[in-house]
Amino acid sequence: MTNWLHTIDIKPIIHRDQENVSPEHVVDVAHAIAALIRIEAPQGSLDIQSDDYDSELDDLVEELEGLHLETAGLLDDFNDLLNQFYDWADANSVWLGI
């Protein structure tokens, strides 16, 4: 059994209009998740000056923020980033609400 150290509840964002895979929706969801991570991430994990800085998480957030309508393979890229985020969360005892 995992003892979660932190929570970043992305479930409400992920479950928003799940059937909609339009580029606009995918970009909106990616950006909403990135914004939530910036707010809820473990303290210091996104601060490059902090001893708790996590470059993997910072890179994921920046990649989510960098998705845009013209991104080739947008849905595949988004799903790949989401899988990387799930793996990061598991490794860092962060509950994602899913």
Protein backbone atom coordinates (compact mmCIF):
# COMPACT_ATOMS: atom_id res chain seq x y z
CA MET A 1 0.00 0.00 0.00
CA THR A 2 1.32 3.38 -0.99
CA ASN A 3 1.49 6.23 1.49
CA TRP A 4 0.92 9.34 -0.60
CA LEU A 5 3.07 12.27 0.43
CA HIS A 6 1.35 14.81 -1.82
CA THR A 7 -1.79 15.23 -3.92
CA ILE A 8 -2.23 16.79 -7.35
CA ASP A 9 -5.83 15.91 -8.21
CA ILE A 10 -5.99 15.98 -12.01
CA LYS A 11 -9.12 13.80 -12.15
CA PRO A 12 -11.59 16.70 -12.68
CA ILE A 13 -9.46 17.97 -15.56
CA ILE A 14 -8.98 14.55 -17.18
CA HIS A 15 -12.68 13.71 -16.89
CA ARG A 16 -13.78 16.95 -18.53
CA ASP A 17 -15.49 15.96 -21.79
CA GLN A 18 -13.45 12.76 -22.17
CA GLU A 19 -14.84 11.97 -25.61
CA ASN A 20 -13.54 15.27 -26.99
CA VAL A 21 -10.18 14.73 -28.67
CA SER A 22 -10.18 17.93 -30.68
CA PRO A 23 -6.83 19.72 -30.76
CA GLU A 24 -8.33 22.67 -28.89
CA HIS A 25 -9.58 20.46 -26.07
CA VAL A 26 -6.33 18.49 -25.81
CA VAL A 27 -4.32 21.73 -25.57
CA ASP A 28 -6.75 23.15 -22.97
CA VAL A 29 -6.47 19.99 -20.85
CA ALA A 30 -2.66 19.89 -21.13
CA HIS A 31 -2.37 23.53 -20.12
CA ALA A 32 -4.85 23.10 -17.24
CA ILE A 33 -2.86 20.14 -15.89
CA ALA A 34 0.39 22.12 -16.17
CA ALA A 35 -1.18 25.05 -14.30
CA LEU A 36 -2.45 22.73 -11.55
CA ILE A 37 0.97 21.12 -11.20
CA ARG A 38 2.55 24.55 -10.82
CA ILE A 39 0.12 25.27 -7.96
CA GLU A 40 0.09 21.87 -6.24
CA ALA A 41 3.59 20.46 -6.84
CA PRO A 42 5.62 19.60 -3.76
CA GLN A 43 7.25 22.74 -2.38
CA GLY A 44 10.49 23.62 -4.11
CA SER A 45 10.17 20.97 -6.81
CA LEU A 46 9.77 23.58 -9.57
CA ASP A 47 12.17 26.13 -8.10
CA ILE A 48 15.58 25.73 -9.72
CA GLN A 49 17.17 27.46 -6.70
CA SER A 50 15.74 24.89 -4.28
CA ASP A 51 17.45 21.76 -3.00
CA ASP A 52 14.14 20.03 -3.75
CA TYR A 53 14.16 21.03 -7.44
CA ASP A 54 12.96 18.21 -9.68
CA SER A 55 14.14 18.69 -13.26
CA GLU A 56 12.01 15.77 -14.50
CA LEU A 57 8.82 17.37 -13.20
CA ASP A 58 9.86 20.80 -14.43
CA ASP A 59 10.52 19.39 -17.92
CA LEU A 60 7.12 17.66 -17.96
CA VAL A 61 5.32 20.86 -16.98
CA GLU A 62 7.15 22.83 -19.65
CA GLU A 63 6.35 20.19 -22.27
CA LEU A 64 2.65 20.23 -21.31
CA GLU A 65 2.68 24.02 -21.53
CA GLY A 66 4.44 23.80 -24.90
CA LEU A 67 1.72 21.75 -26.58
CA HIS A 68 -0.19 23.84 -29.08
CA LEU A 69 -2.73 23.38 -31.87
CA GLU A 70 -0.02 22.96 -34.50
CA THR A 71 1.85 20.23 -32.59
CA ALA A 72 2.25 17.25 -34.92
CA GLY A 73 0.96 14.12 -33.19
CA LEU A 74 -0.68 16.27 -30.50
CA LEU A 75 -2.85 13.57 -28.92
CA ASP A 76 -0.02 11.02 -28.91
CA ASP A 77 2.37 13.58 -27.41
CA PHE A 78 -0.18 14.49 -24.74
CA ASN A 79 -0.81 10.85 -23.84
CA ASP A 80 2.93 10.20 -23.65
CA LEU A 81 3.44 13.17 -21.33
CA LEU A 82 0.52 12.04 -19.18
CA ASN A 83 2.05 8.56 -18.88
CA GLN A 84 5.37 10.13 -17.89
CA PHE A 85 3.53 12.19 -15.27
CA TYR A 86 1.80 9.07 -13.88
CA ASP A 87 5.20 7.35 -13.64
CA TRP A 88 6.71 10.41 -11.93
CA ALA A 89 3.79 10.55 -9.48
CA ASP A 90 4.15 6.85 -8.60
CA ALA A 91 7.89 7.24 -8.03
CA ASN A 92 7.37 10.30 -5.85
CA SER A 93 4.32 9.16 -3.84
CA VAL A 94 2.03 11.77 -5.37
CA TRP A 95 -1.66 10.88 -5.62
CA LEU A 96 -3.27 12.18 -8.82
CA GLY A 97 -6.88 11.48 -7.91
CA ILE A 98 -7.23 8.82 -10.56
